Amino acid sequence: MNAERAPYRGPHIMESKGPRPPSLSVRLYGSPRLRYTSQFMHVFVILPAAGLGTRMATAGAGRHAPKQFIELGGQPILVMTVRAFLQVPATHRIFIAVRKNEIERVESELRKHALLEKVSVVEGGDTRQESVRNALAMLPAEDEDIVLVHDAVRPLIDTATIQRTIESVEHHHAAIVGVPAIDTIKQVERTADGAIVTSTIPRERIVLAQTPQGFRFRLLRQAMEAAEADGFTGTDEASLVERLGIDVAVVLGSPRNLKITQPGDLLLAEFYLRQG
């Protein structure tokens, strides 16, 4: 079906040049076109938050404290992330996947911040993939609904990026947020004496994947089922969809949309927060 497509020349990221018209799709190939969100289509959000976050152990958070409960700007990181998606009018419902022994704590925290109306807390798994799969099974979604999967510890995601991701999924069926590579990328071979460079990968062919990653519900479900049947564990949801031979579009992200995994990340997030 791609016989007429121009030869691939690396990932092209469409960047906003000022205010966008409603539902302007981001396209990797060709020029943008207008698409309008169906009033019958729902957007669901999955936040996998079952990680232990051992790298975030600090004196203030306690040893091995889950990183999603650490505060940023006076509120838990998870609460900030939930609020970011609730600010998007298209968000129908959010599902947070956590460890079984954390469900009550998360629900209590959300209740304290009056966020439970459109949020459900479900049991996650031992891996990100299992957590997403468990949450996906709980979604009251139709085949063409959109599912956004977002790292619970990326609290500085902005409304505009979320909306652009939704618009891109409307057109491409699969899209991720990503940023261009700045550093030179080397491919290496691991040896007993350390890593040996085998080639240099052109930066124009590289993007650093962020989240949200969005898909049509049916497509993500099929990708999850295929991965489970093959015993494949991916590093993100897009890697599962790529295995099906599906093109995944890229939406321009931002350095602000960082994943908080260690104390240095928290300091940087606090800096960005102070900048407004």
Foldseek 3Di string as FASTA:
>chain_A
DCPPFDDDDAADADDDPDDDDALFATDRGDDIDHDDDDPPAAEEEEAEQADQLQQAADPVQHGSRRQQQDDAPRGGLLVLQLVQVVVAVRHQAYEYEYAPVCQVVVVVSCVVVVNPPRYHYHHADPDSLRRVLRRLVVDPHDQQHKYWYAHSQQSQFHNVQVSNQVSNCNPQQKEFEWAFDDDWDFDWDQDPVGTDTDDTDDSRNDTGTHDGIMGRSNLLNVLSVVCVVVVHDDPDSVVSSVVVVGDYHYYYDDPLRDGDRHPVVSVVVNVVVVVD
